[in-house]
Amino acid sequence: MRRRFSASSYRLTRRRLLVVLVAGPLLAACGTSEPEPAPPIGAHAPAGVQDAVPHPYRLELPAIDVDIPVVELGWHPATDVEGQIFSEWDVAEYAAGWHKNSALPGTGGNVVMSGHNNILGAVFRELDQLRQGDKAVVWSGGKRYTYTVERVMVVPETHAKPEQRIANARWIGPFDDDRLTLVSCWPRNDNTHRIIVVAYLARESQAQAAN
């Protein structure tokens, strides 16, 4: 069944997530009962991302029949049970979430998106079916950016050592090349691992973006 969701079928909520950029969990895609840190309070997206309008709004993965909205994914201040203030990620429902501290398509860098694998639309449930050479199409600013899948990886997360989590988190960090990184929980009915898909911008998309 093709996964399609209209713009009216999703909303952005403030749920606890599994995203952190250092030694914590890897992505903003899976609910958890414990507070999870986002970027520090007071942090901002890079200037070029802050000022750019609009953010990516649609993602297509033809090989697995995915055609879904993309929403901007940010974070907000929250308070834990001890009264300490921390940053907590928002989460996209029935949509992919574009990490607003990542790159925009066509600007150079790492475009990061995360999504649920088994709840709230399960938009990234089939990521493990992607193969090298498959296409990922991102729509942003009225332009179509086509990426080619290079790697599909599964990495341990729940029981991973701190150094493993640091290694995992690097995949959603900055890179100099034009790439798209998709992240979700794995396996399909659990959240013990993370699946990471890395795709690179096709030459024709680079040319189109420059015109």
N, C-alpha and C. Protein backbone atom coordinates (compact mmCIF):
# COMPACT_ATOMS: atom_id res chain seq x y z
N MET A 1 0.84 -1.18 0.00
CA MET A 1 0.00 0.00 0.00
C MET A 1 0.88 1.25 0.00
N ARG A 2 0.60 2.18 -0.89
CA ARG A 2 1.40 3.40 -0.98
C ARG A 2 1.09 4.30 0.20
N ARG A 3 2.13 4.78 0.85
CA ARG A 3 1.96 5.66 2.01
C ARG A 3 1.85 7.10 1.53
N ARG A 4 0.65 7.64 1.59
CA ARG A 4 0.40 9.02 1.22
C ARG A 4 -0.35 9.70 2.36
N PHE A 5 0.03 10.90 2.66
CA PHE A 5 -0.66 11.67 3.69
C PHE A 5 -0.82 13.08 3.17
N SER A 6 -2.04 13.60 3.25
CA SER A 6 -2.28 14.97 2.82
C SER A 6 -1.73 15.94 3.85
N ALA A 7 -1.62 17.20 3.45
CA ALA A 7 -1.10 18.21 4.36
C ALA A 7 -1.96 18.35 5.60
N SER A 8 -3.25 18.02 5.50
CA SER A 8 -4.15 18.17 6.65
C SER A 8 -4.10 16.97 7.58
N SER A 9 -3.35 15.92 7.21
CA SER A 9 -3.38 14.70 8.00
C SER A 9 -2.29 14.62 9.04
N TYR A 10 -1.42 15.63 9.10
CA TYR A 10 -0.35 15.59 10.08
C TYR A 10 -0.40 16.81 10.98
N ARG A 11 0.28 16.71 12.11
CA ARG A 11 0.47 17.86 12.98
C ARG A 11 1.76 17.68 13.75
N LEU A 12 2.28 18.77 14.24
CA LEU A 12 3.51 18.74 15.00
C LEU A 12 3.17 18.77 16.48
N THR A 13 3.67 17.82 17.23
CA THR A 13 3.37 17.76 18.65
C THR A 13 4.63 17.83 19.47
N ARG A 14 4.46 18.08 20.77
CA ARG A 14 5.60 18.15 21.67
C ARG A 14 5.65 16.88 22.50
N ARG A 15 6.31 15.88 21.94
CA ARG A 15 6.47 14.61 22.62
C ARG A 15 7.94 14.40 22.91
N ARG A 16 8.24 13.56 23.90
CA ARG A 16 9.64 13.27 24.18
C ARG A 16 10.22 12.40 23.07
N LEU A 17 11.44 12.76 22.64
CA LEU A 17 12.03 12.13 21.49
C LEU A 17 13.40 11.55 21.76
N LEU A 18 13.91 10.87 20.75
CA LEU A 18 15.23 10.26 20.85
C LEU A 18 16.24 10.96 19.96
N VAL A 19 16.41 12.27 20.13
CA VAL A 19 17.40 12.98 19.33
C VAL A 19 18.38 13.67 20.24
N VAL A 20 19.64 13.55 19.93
CA VAL A 20 20.66 14.33 20.60
C VAL A 20 21.88 14.34 19.71
N LEU A 21 22.68 15.37 19.77
CA LEU A 21 23.79 15.50 18.86
C LEU A 21 25.13 15.09 19.46
N VAL A 22 25.13 14.61 20.70
CA VAL A 22 26.40 14.22 21.30
C VAL A 22 26.34 12.74 21.64
N ALA A 23 26.20 12.38 22.91
CA ALA A 23 26.29 10.97 23.30
C ALA A 23 24.94 10.38 23.63
N GLY A 24 23.87 11.04 23.30
CA GLY A 24 22.54 10.54 23.60
C GLY A 24 21.94 9.83 22.42
N PRO A 25 20.62 9.54 22.47
CA PRO A 25 19.96 8.87 21.37
C PRO A 25 20.03 9.66 20.07
N LEU A 26 19.80 8.97 18.97
CA LEU A 26 20.16 9.49 17.66
C LEU A 26 19.13 10.35 16.98
N LEU A 27 17.85 10.13 17.15
CA LEU A 27 16.91 10.79 16.28
C LEU A 27 15.64 11.24 16.94
N ALA A 28 14.94 12.12 16.24
CA ALA A 28 13.65 12.61 16.69
C ALA A 28 12.56 11.81 16.01
N ALA A 29 12.35 10.59 16.44
CA ALA A 29 11.37 9.78 15.73
C ALA A 29 10.61 8.82 16.62
N CYS A 30 11.07 8.51 17.81
CA CYS A 30 10.44 7.48 18.61
C CYS A 30 10.11 8.00 19.99
N GLY A 31 8.90 7.76 20.45
CA GLY A 31 8.51 8.23 21.77
C GLY A 31 9.23 7.48 22.87
N THR A 32 9.43 8.14 24.01
CA THR A 32 10.09 7.54 25.15
C THR A 32 9.52 8.11 26.42
N SER A 33 9.65 7.40 27.52
CA SER A 33 9.10 7.86 28.77
C SER A 33 10.04 8.77 29.53
N GLU A 34 11.27 8.93 29.08
CA GLU A 34 12.24 9.76 29.76
C GLU A 34 12.56 11.00 28.93
N PRO A 35 12.88 12.13 29.59
CA PRO A 35 13.25 13.33 28.84
C PRO A 35 14.51 13.07 28.03
N GLU A 36 14.53 13.55 26.80
CA GLU A 36 15.70 13.40 25.95
C GLU A 36 16.15 14.77 25.48
N PRO A 37 17.43 15.08 25.56
CA PRO A 37 17.90 16.42 25.21
C PRO A 37 17.90 16.68 23.72
N ALA A 38 17.60 17.90 23.36
CA ALA A 38 17.75 18.41 22.01
C ALA A 38 18.93 19.38 22.04
N PRO A 39 19.16 20.16 20.97
CA PRO A 39 20.22 21.17 21.06
C PRO A 39 20.00 22.10 22.24
N PRO A 40 21.05 22.73 22.75
CA PRO A 40 20.95 23.52 23.98
C PRO A 40 19.92 24.63 23.89
N ILE A 41 19.32 24.98 25.02
CA ILE A 41 18.39 26.09 25.08
C ILE A 41 19.10 27.35 24.60
N GLY A 42 18.44 28.09 23.74
CA GLY A 42 19.05 29.29 23.20
C GLY A 42 19.78 29.05 21.89
N ALA A 43 19.94 27.77 21.53
CA ALA A 43 20.60 27.46 20.26
C ALA A 43 19.69 27.82 19.10
N HIS A 44 20.27 28.07 17.95
CA HIS A 44 19.50 28.42 16.77
C HIS A 44 19.99 27.61 15.58
N ALA A 45 19.14 27.51 14.57
CA ALA A 45 19.59 26.91 13.32
C ALA A 45 20.62 27.83 12.69
N PRO A 46 21.50 27.30 11.82
CA PRO A 46 22.46 28.16 11.13
C PRO A 46 21.77 29.31 10.42
N ALA A 47 22.44 30.44 10.28
CA ALA A 47 21.82 31.65 9.74
C ALA A 47 21.19 31.41 8.38
N GLY A 48 21.86 30.67 7.51
CA GLY A 48 21.31 30.42 6.19
C GLY A 48 20.03 29.63 6.23
N VAL A 49 19.90 28.75 7.22
CA VAL A 49 18.68 27.96 7.37
C VAL A 49 17.58 28.80 8.00
N GLN A 50 17.92 29.61 8.99
CA GLN A 50 16.93 30.44 9.65
C GLN A 50 16.23 31.37 8.66
N ASP A 51 17.01 31.95 7.76
CA ASP A 51 16.47 32.97 6.87
C ASP A 51 15.80 32.39 5.63
N ALA A 52 16.06 31.13 5.33
CA ALA A 52 15.55 30.53 4.10
C ALA A 52 14.09 30.14 4.26
N VAL A 53 13.28 30.43 3.26
CA VAL A 53 11.87 30.07 3.25
C VAL A 53 11.56 29.54 1.87
N PRO A 54 10.86 28.42 1.74
CA PRO A 54 10.42 27.58 2.84
C PRO A 54 11.38 26.42 3.08
N HIS A 55 11.10 25.64 4.10
CA HIS A 55 11.84 24.41 4.35
C HIS A 55 11.31 23.31 3.42
N PRO A 56 11.96 22.16 3.35
CA PRO A 56 11.43 21.05 2.54
C PRO A 56 10.00 20.72 2.95
N TYR A 57 9.15 20.42 1.97
CA TYR A 57 7.74 20.19 2.28
C TYR A 57 7.21 18.84 1.79
N ARG A 58 8.02 18.10 1.05
CA ARG A 58 7.53 16.81 0.52
C ARG A 58 8.71 15.88 0.31
N LEU A 59 8.49 14.59 0.61
CA LEU A 59 9.51 13.56 0.40
C LEU A 59 8.90 12.38 -0.32
N GLU A 60 9.56 11.94 -1.38
CA GLU A 60 9.13 10.77 -2.13
C GLU A 60 10.24 9.71 -2.10
N LEU A 61 9.85 8.48 -1.82
CA LEU A 61 10.75 7.33 -1.90
C LEU A 61 10.06 6.31 -2.80
N PRO A 62 10.19 6.44 -4.11
CA PRO A 62 9.42 5.62 -5.06
C PRO A 62 9.59 4.12 -4.87
N ALA A 63 10.78 3.67 -4.51
CA ALA A 63 11.05 2.23 -4.39
C ALA A 63 10.20 1.57 -3.32
N ILE A 64 9.77 2.34 -2.31
CA ILE A 64 8.95 1.77 -1.23
C ILE A 64 7.59 2.46 -1.14
N ASP A 65 7.19 3.13 -2.23
CA ASP A 65 5.86 3.73 -2.34
C ASP A 65 5.56 4.72 -1.21
N VAL A 66 6.51 5.57 -0.91
CA VAL A 66 6.32 6.60 0.11
C VAL A 66 6.23 7.96 -0.58
N ASP A 67 5.21 8.73 -0.23
CA ASP A 67 5.02 10.09 -0.71
C ASP A 67 4.35 10.85 0.42
N ILE A 68 5.14 11.61 1.19
CA ILE A 68 4.65 12.16 2.45
C ILE A 68 5.03 13.63 2.61
N PRO A 69 4.29 14.36 3.45
CA PRO A 69 4.68 15.74 3.76
C PRO A 69 5.93 15.75 4.63
N VAL A 70 6.61 16.89 4.60
CA VAL A 70 7.75 17.14 5.48
C VAL A 70 7.46 18.41 6.28
N VAL A 71 7.66 18.35 7.58
CA VAL A 71 7.46 19.52 8.43
C VAL A 71 8.78 19.88 9.11
N GLU A 72 8.91 21.14 9.47
CA GLU A 72 10.10 21.58 10.19
C GLU A 72 10.08 21.03 11.60
N LEU A 73 11.18 20.47 12.03
CA LEU A 73 11.26 19.86 13.35
C LEU A 73 12.23 20.66 14.21
N GLY A 74 11.69 21.22 15.29
CA GLY A 74 12.51 22.01 16.20
C GLY A 74 12.44 21.46 17.61
N TRP A 75 12.69 22.32 18.59
CA TRP A 75 12.70 21.89 19.97
C TRP A 75 12.14 23.01 20.84
N HIS A 76 11.87 22.70 22.08
CA HIS A 76 11.25 23.66 22.99
C HIS A 76 11.77 23.43 24.40
N PRO A 77 11.71 24.43 25.27
CA PRO A 77 12.10 24.24 26.67
C PRO A 77 11.09 23.37 27.40
N ALA A 78 11.57 22.50 28.26
CA ALA A 78 10.71 21.66 29.09
C ALA A 78 11.35 21.55 30.48
N THR A 79 10.58 21.05 31.43
CA THR A 79 11.06 20.93 32.80
C THR A 79 10.93 19.49 33.27
N ASP A 80 12.01 18.93 33.85
CA ASP A 80 11.96 17.55 34.31
C ASP A 80 11.36 17.49 35.71
N VAL A 81 11.29 16.28 36.27
CA VAL A 81 10.64 16.07 37.56
C VAL A 81 11.38 16.76 38.70
N GLU A 82 12.65 17.08 38.48
CA GLU A 82 13.43 17.76 39.50
C GLU A 82 13.43 19.27 39.32
N GLY A 83 12.66 19.74 38.33
CA GLY A 83 12.56 21.17 38.11
C GLY A 83 13.65 21.75 37.22
N GLN A 84 14.49 20.89 36.63
CA GLN A 84 15.55 21.35 35.76
C GLN A 84 15.00 21.60 34.35
N ILE A 85 15.40 22.70 33.76
CA ILE A 85 14.96 23.03 32.41
C ILE A 85 15.91 22.41 31.39
N PHE A 86 15.35 21.80 30.36
CA PHE A 86 16.15 21.19 29.31
C PHE A 86 15.46 21.41 27.97
N SER A 87 16.16 21.13 26.89
CA SER A 87 15.59 21.25 25.55
C SER A 87 15.01 19.90 25.13
N GLU A 88 13.80 19.92 24.61
CA GLU A 88 13.11 18.71 24.21
C GLU A 88 12.66 18.86 22.76
N TRP A 89 12.89 17.81 21.97
CA TRP A 89 12.50 17.85 20.56
C TRP A 89 10.99 17.77 20.39
N ASP A 90 10.48 18.46 19.38
CA ASP A 90 9.13 18.23 18.89
C ASP A 90 9.17 16.98 18.00
N VAL A 91 8.01 16.54 17.54
CA VAL A 91 7.96 15.38 16.66
C VAL A 91 6.86 15.56 15.63
N ALA A 92 7.09 15.07 14.44
CA ALA A 92 6.10 15.14 13.37
C ALA A 92 5.21 13.90 13.39
N GLU A 93 3.91 14.11 13.29
CA GLU A 93 2.97 13.00 13.17
C GLU A 93 2.50 12.90 11.72
N TYR A 94 2.51 11.67 11.18
CA TYR A 94 2.07 11.41 9.82
C TYR A 94 2.86 12.24 8.81
N ALA A 95 4.12 12.46 9.10
CA ALA A 95 5.00 13.24 8.22
C ALA A 95 6.44 12.95 8.60
N ALA A 96 7.34 13.30 7.71
CA ALA A 96 8.76 13.29 8.05
C ALA A 96 9.10 14.62 8.68
N GLY A 97 10.04 14.61 9.61
CA GLY A 97 10.46 15.85 10.25
C GLY A 97 11.84 16.26 9.77
N TRP A 98 11.92 17.47 9.19
CA TRP A 98 13.21 18.01 8.76
C TRP A 98 13.85 18.72 9.95
N HIS A 99 15.04 18.28 10.35
CA HIS A 99 15.74 18.88 11.48
C HIS A 99 16.19 20.29 11.09
N LYS A 100 15.63 21.29 11.77
CA LYS A 100 15.86 22.66 11.33
C LYS A 100 17.29 23.14 11.57
N ASN A 101 18.09 22.36 12.30
CA ASN A 101 19.50 22.71 12.43
C ASN A 101 20.36 21.96 11.42
N SER A 102 19.71 21.33 10.42
CA SER A 102 20.44 20.68 9.33
C SER A 102 20.35 21.55 8.08
N ALA A 103 20.94 21.09 6.99
CA ALA A 103 21.02 21.88 5.75
C ALA A 103 19.69 21.89 5.01
N LEU A 104 19.56 22.84 4.12
CA LEU A 104 18.47 22.88 3.16
C LEU A 104 18.93 22.24 1.85
N PRO A 105 18.04 21.59 1.12
CA PRO A 105 18.44 20.99 -0.16
C PRO A 105 19.07 22.01 -1.10
N GLY A 106 20.15 21.60 -1.75
CA GLY A 106 20.79 22.44 -2.74
C GLY A 106 21.73 23.48 -2.19
N THR A 107 21.84 23.58 -0.86
CA THR A 107 22.72 24.61 -0.27
C THR A 107 24.06 24.04 0.16
N GLY A 108 24.24 22.74 0.02
CA GLY A 108 25.46 22.09 0.49
C GLY A 108 25.31 21.67 1.93
N GLY A 109 25.67 20.44 2.22
CA GLY A 109 25.57 19.95 3.59
C GLY A 109 24.60 18.79 3.73
N ASN A 110 24.30 18.46 4.97
CA ASN A 110 23.52 17.28 5.31
C ASN A 110 22.08 17.65 5.62
N VAL A 111 21.15 17.23 4.77
CA VAL A 111 19.72 17.42 4.99
C VAL A 111 19.22 16.23 5.81
N VAL A 112 18.78 16.47 7.03
CA VAL A 112 18.42 15.38 7.94
C VAL A 112 16.92 15.34 8.15
N MET A 113 16.34 14.15 8.00
CA MET A 113 14.92 13.95 8.26
C MET A 113 14.75 12.69 9.10
N SER A 114 13.79 12.73 10.03
CA SER A 114 13.48 11.55 10.82
C SER A 114 11.98 11.31 10.80
N GLY A 115 11.58 10.08 11.10
CA GLY A 115 10.17 9.72 11.09
C GLY A 115 9.92 8.47 11.90
N HIS A 116 8.68 8.28 12.28
CA HIS A 116 8.30 7.10 13.07
C HIS A 116 8.33 5.83 12.23
N ASN A 117 8.57 4.72 12.92
CA ASN A 117 8.56 3.42 12.22
C ASN A 117 7.36 2.55 12.58
N ASN A 118 6.65 2.87 13.68
CA ASN A 118 5.54 1.98 14.05
C ASN A 118 4.37 2.70 14.72
N ILE A 119 4.40 4.03 14.80
CA ILE A 119 3.27 4.78 15.35
C ILE A 119 3.08 6.05 14.54
N LEU A 120 1.93 6.70 14.74
CA LEU A 120 1.66 8.04 14.18
C LEU A 120 1.99 8.12 12.69
N GLY A 121 1.48 7.14 11.95
CA GLY A 121 1.67 7.11 10.51
C GLY A 121 2.74 6.16 10.04
N ALA A 122 3.70 5.86 10.93
CA ALA A 122 4.79 4.92 10.59
C ALA A 122 5.36 5.22 9.20
N VAL A 123 5.67 6.48 8.95
CA VAL A 123 6.06 6.91 7.61
C VAL A 123 7.38 6.30 7.14
N PHE A 124 8.25 5.93 8.09
CA PHE A 124 9.55 5.35 7.73
C PHE A 124 9.63 3.86 8.05
N ARG A 125 8.50 3.20 8.08
CA ARG A 125 8.47 1.78 8.44
C ARG A 125 9.24 0.92 7.45
N GLU A 126 9.25 1.31 6.18
CA GLU A 126 9.85 0.48 5.13
C GLU A 126 11.26 0.90 4.74
N LEU A 127 11.91 1.71 5.55
CA LEU A 127 13.27 2.15 5.17
C LEU A 127 14.21 0.98 4.95
N ASP A 128 14.00 -0.13 5.67
CA ASP A 128 14.91 -1.27 5.52
C ASP A 128 14.77 -1.96 4.17
N GLN A 129 13.77 -1.56 3.38
CA GLN A 129 13.61 -2.13 2.05
C GLN A 129 14.34 -1.32 0.98
N LEU A 130 14.89 -0.16 1.34
CA LEU A 130 15.64 0.63 0.37
C LEU A 130 16.97 -0.05 0.05
N ARG A 131 17.43 0.14 -1.17
CA ARG A 131 18.67 -0.46 -1.62
C ARG A 131 19.54 0.60 -2.30
N GLN A 132 20.82 0.31 -2.38
CA GLN A 132 21.74 1.21 -3.06
C GLN A 132 21.26 1.47 -4.49
N GLY A 133 21.24 2.73 -4.88
CA GLY A 133 20.77 3.11 -6.20
C GLY A 133 19.33 3.59 -6.23
N ASP A 134 18.55 3.30 -5.19
CA ASP A 134 17.17 3.81 -5.12
C ASP A 134 17.18 5.33 -5.01
N LYS A 135 16.06 5.95 -5.40
CA LYS A 135 15.98 7.40 -5.41
C LYS A 135 15.17 7.93 -4.23
N ALA A 136 15.56 9.13 -3.80
CA ALA A 136 14.80 9.89 -2.81
C ALA A 136 14.61 11.28 -3.38
N VAL A 137 13.37 11.74 -3.44
CA VAL A 137 13.06 13.03 -4.03
C VAL A 137 12.56 13.97 -2.95
N VAL A 138 13.22 15.11 -2.82
CA VAL A 138 12.83 16.12 -1.83
C VAL A 138 12.35 17.37 -2.59
N TRP A 139 11.18 17.88 -2.18
CA TRP A 139 10.65 19.11 -2.76
C TRP A 139 10.87 20.24 -1.78
N SER A 140 11.48 21.33 -2.27
CA SER A 140 11.77 22.48 -1.41
C SER A 140 11.85 23.73 -2.26
N GLY A 141 11.16 24.79 -1.84
CA GLY A 141 11.20 26.03 -2.60
C GLY A 141 10.70 25.90 -4.02
N GLY A 142 9.78 24.97 -4.26
CA GLY A 142 9.25 24.76 -5.60
C GLY A 142 10.17 23.98 -6.52
N LYS A 143 11.30 23.49 -6.00
CA LYS A 143 12.23 22.71 -6.81
C LYS A 143 12.26 21.25 -6.35
N ARG A 144 12.66 20.40 -7.28
CA ARG A 144 12.73 18.96 -7.05
C ARG A 144 14.20 18.56 -6.96
N TYR A 145 14.58 17.99 -5.84
CA TYR A 145 15.97 17.55 -5.62
C TYR A 145 15.98 16.02 -5.52
N THR A 146 16.73 15.38 -6.41
CA THR A 146 16.79 13.93 -6.45
C THR A 146 18.10 13.44 -5.86
N TYR A 147 17.98 12.55 -4.88
CA TYR A 147 19.14 11.95 -4.22
C TYR A 147 19.19 10.46 -4.56
N THR A 148 20.39 9.91 -4.60
CA THR A 148 20.59 8.49 -4.86
C THR A 148 21.10 7.81 -3.60
N VAL A 149 20.40 6.76 -3.17
CA VAL A 149 20.77 6.04 -1.95
C VAL A 149 22.12 5.36 -2.13
N GLU A 150 23.00 5.57 -1.15
CA GLU A 150 24.31 4.96 -1.17
C GLU A 150 24.47 3.92 -0.07
N ARG A 151 23.91 4.20 1.13
CA ARG A 151 24.09 3.30 2.26
C ARG A 151 22.79 3.17 3.04
N VAL A 152 22.52 1.94 3.51
CA VAL A 152 21.42 1.68 4.44
C VAL A 152 22.04 0.91 5.61
N MET A 153 22.04 1.50 6.79
CA MET A 153 22.74 0.92 7.94
C MET A 153 21.78 0.73 9.11
N VAL A 154 22.02 -0.31 9.89
CA VAL A 154 21.32 -0.52 11.16
C VAL A 154 22.38 -0.51 12.25
N VAL A 155 22.17 0.34 13.26
CA VAL A 155 23.15 0.47 14.35
C VAL A 155 22.45 0.29 15.69
N PRO A 156 23.14 -0.28 16.68
CA PRO A 156 22.53 -0.45 18.01
C PRO A 156 22.36 0.89 18.70
N GLU A 157 21.31 1.03 19.52
CA GLU A 157 21.08 2.29 20.20
C GLU A 157 20.72 2.11 21.68
N THR A 158 19.67 1.34 21.96
CA THR A 158 19.17 1.26 23.33
C THR A 158 20.23 0.77 24.31
N HIS A 159 20.97 -0.27 23.94
CA HIS A 159 21.98 -0.84 24.82
C HIS A 159 23.39 -0.51 24.36
N ALA A 160 23.51 0.52 23.52
CA ALA A 160 24.83 0.87 22.98
C ALA A 160 25.66 1.61 24.02
N LYS A 161 26.98 1.43 23.92
CA LYS A 161 27.90 2.16 24.78
C LYS A 161 27.97 3.62 24.32
N PRO A 162 28.41 4.52 25.21
CA PRO A 162 28.47 5.94 24.85
C PRO A 162 29.25 6.21 23.57
N GLU A 163 30.36 5.51 23.36
CA GLU A 163 31.13 5.75 22.15
C GLU A 163 30.37 5.33 20.89
N GLN A 164 29.52 4.28 21.02
CA GLN A 164 28.70 3.88 19.88
C GLN A 164 27.65 4.95 19.58
N ARG A 165 27.06 5.52 20.62
CA ARG A 165 26.06 6.57 20.41
C ARG A 165 26.68 7.82 19.79
N ILE A 166 27.89 8.12 20.19
CA ILE A 166 28.59 9.25 19.59
C ILE A 166 28.81 8.99 18.10
N ALA A 167 29.24 7.77 17.78
CA ALA A 167 29.43 7.40 16.38
C ALA A 167 28.12 7.46 15.61
N ASN A 168 27.04 7.01 16.22
CA ASN A 168 25.72 7.07 15.58
C ASN A 168 25.32 8.51 15.28
N ALA A 169 25.51 9.39 16.28
CA ALA A 169 25.06 10.77 16.17
C ALA A 169 25.80 11.54 15.08
N ARG A 170 27.00 11.10 14.74
CA ARG A 170 27.76 11.80 13.70
C ARG A 170 27.04 11.80 12.36
N TRP A 171 26.20 10.79 12.13
CA TRP A 171 25.51 10.70 10.84
C TRP A 171 24.50 11.82 10.64
N ILE A 172 24.01 12.42 11.72
CA ILE A 172 23.07 13.53 11.57
C ILE A 172 23.75 14.88 11.77
N GLY A 173 25.06 14.86 11.86
CA GLY A 173 25.82 16.09 12.00
C GLY A 173 26.13 16.71 10.64
N PRO A 174 26.93 17.78 10.64
CA PRO A 174 27.26 18.47 9.38
C PRO A 174 28.24 17.70 8.52
N PHE A 175 28.07 17.81 7.21
CA PHE A 175 29.01 17.27 6.22
C PHE A 175 29.18 18.31 5.13
N ASP A 176 30.29 18.24 4.43
CA ASP A 176 30.57 19.22 3.38
C ASP A 176 29.88 18.89 2.07
N ASP A 177 29.52 17.63 1.85
CA ASP A 177 28.90 17.26 0.58
C ASP A 177 27.39 17.44 0.65
N ASP A 178 26.73 17.32 -0.51
CA ASP A 178 25.27 17.43 -0.60
C ASP A 178 24.67 16.05 -0.36
N ARG A 179 24.12 15.85 0.81
CA ARG A 179 23.55 14.54 1.14
C ARG A 179 22.22 14.68 1.87
N LEU A 180 21.48 13.59 1.84
CA LEU A 180 20.22 13.45 2.57
C LEU A 180 20.37 12.27 3.52
N THR A 181 20.05 12.48 4.80
CA THR A 181 20.10 11.40 5.77
C THR A 181 18.72 11.19 6.37
N LEU A 182 18.22 9.97 6.25
CA LEU A 182 16.92 9.59 6.81
C LEU A 182 17.17 8.66 7.99
N VAL A 183 16.47 8.89 9.09
CA VAL A 183 16.70 8.12 10.30
C VAL A 183 15.38 7.69 10.91
N SER A 184 15.35 6.47 11.42
CA SER A 184 14.17 5.98 12.14
C SER A 184 14.61 4.90 13.12
N CYS A 185 13.65 4.44 13.92
CA CYS A 185 13.92 3.31 14.82
C CYS A 185 13.85 2.01 14.03
N TRP A 186 14.41 0.96 14.62
CA TRP A 186 14.43 -0.37 13.99
C TRP A 186 14.61 -1.39 15.10
N PRO A 187 14.07 -2.59 15.03
CA PRO A 187 13.26 -3.15 13.94
C PRO A 187 11.85 -2.56 13.92
N ARG A 188 11.02 -3.11 13.08
CA ARG A 188 9.73 -2.49 12.82
C ARG A 188 8.82 -2.43 14.03
N ASN A 189 8.94 -3.36 14.93
CA ASN A 189 8.05 -3.38 16.10
C ASN A 189 8.80 -3.14 17.40
N ASP A 190 9.95 -2.47 17.30
CA ASP A 190 10.73 -2.17 18.49
C ASP A 190 11.57 -0.93 18.21
N ASN A 191 12.28 -0.45 19.23
CA ASN A 191 13.09 0.76 19.08
C ASN A 191 14.52 0.57 19.55
N THR A 192 15.02 -0.66 19.54
CA THR A 192 16.33 -0.95 20.12
C THR A 192 17.48 -0.49 19.23
N HIS A 193 17.24 -0.36 17.94
CA HIS A 193 18.27 0.03 16.99
C HIS A 193 17.81 1.25 16.20
N ARG A 194 18.70 1.79 15.40
CA ARG A 194 18.37 2.87 14.49
C ARG A 194 18.74 2.44 13.08
N ILE A 195 17.90 2.83 12.14
CA ILE A 195 18.22 2.61 10.73
C ILE A 195 18.55 3.97 10.12
N ILE A 196 19.63 4.02 9.40
CA ILE A 196 20.15 5.26 8.82
C ILE A 196 20.32 5.06 7.32
N VAL A 197 19.71 5.93 6.54
CA VAL A 197 19.84 5.90 5.08
C VAL A 197 20.58 7.15 4.65
N VAL A 198 21.65 6.97 3.88
CA VAL A 198 22.45 8.10 3.37
C VAL A 198 22.34 8.11 1.85
N ALA A 199 21.92 9.25 1.33
CA ALA A 199 21.78 9.41 -0.13
C ALA A 199 22.48 10.70 -0.55
N TYR A 200 22.95 10.73 -1.80
CA TYR A 200 23.70 11.88 -2.30
C TYR A 200 22.96 12.54 -3.45
N LEU A 201 23.07 13.87 -3.49
CA LEU A 201 22.37 14.65 -4.50
C LEU A 201 22.86 14.29 -5.90
N ALA A 202 21.91 14.02 -6.79
CA ALA A 202 22.26 13.67 -8.16
C ALA A 202 22.73 14.90 -8.92
N ARG A 203 23.57 14.71 -9.92
CA ARG A 203 24.15 15.83 -10.66
C ARG A 203 23.08 16.68 -11.32
N GLU A 204 22.04 16.05 -11.87
CA GLU A 204 21.00 16.82 -12.55
C GLU A 204 20.27 17.72 -11.57
N SER A 205 20.15 17.28 -10.30
CA SER A 205 19.51 18.14 -9.30
C SER A 205 20.40 19.32 -8.95
N GLN A 206 21.70 19.10 -8.91
CA GLN A 206 22.62 20.20 -8.64
C GLN A 206 22.53 21.25 -9.73
N ALA A 207 22.42 20.78 -10.98
CA ALA A 207 22.32 21.72 -12.09
C ALA A 207 21.01 22.47 -12.04
N GLN A 208 19.92 21.77 -11.71
CA GLN A 208 18.60 22.41 -11.65
C GLN A 208 18.57 23.46 -10.55
N ALA A 209 19.16 23.15 -9.40
CA ALA A 209 19.14 24.07 -8.29
C ALA A 209 19.93 25.33 -8.60
N ALA A 210 20.92 25.22 -9.50
CA ALA A 210 21.77 26.36 -9.80
C ALA A 210 21.10 27.30 -10.80
N ASN A 211 20.09 26.83 -11.51
CA ASN A 211 19.43 27.66 -12.54
C ASN A 211 18.38 28.56 -11.93
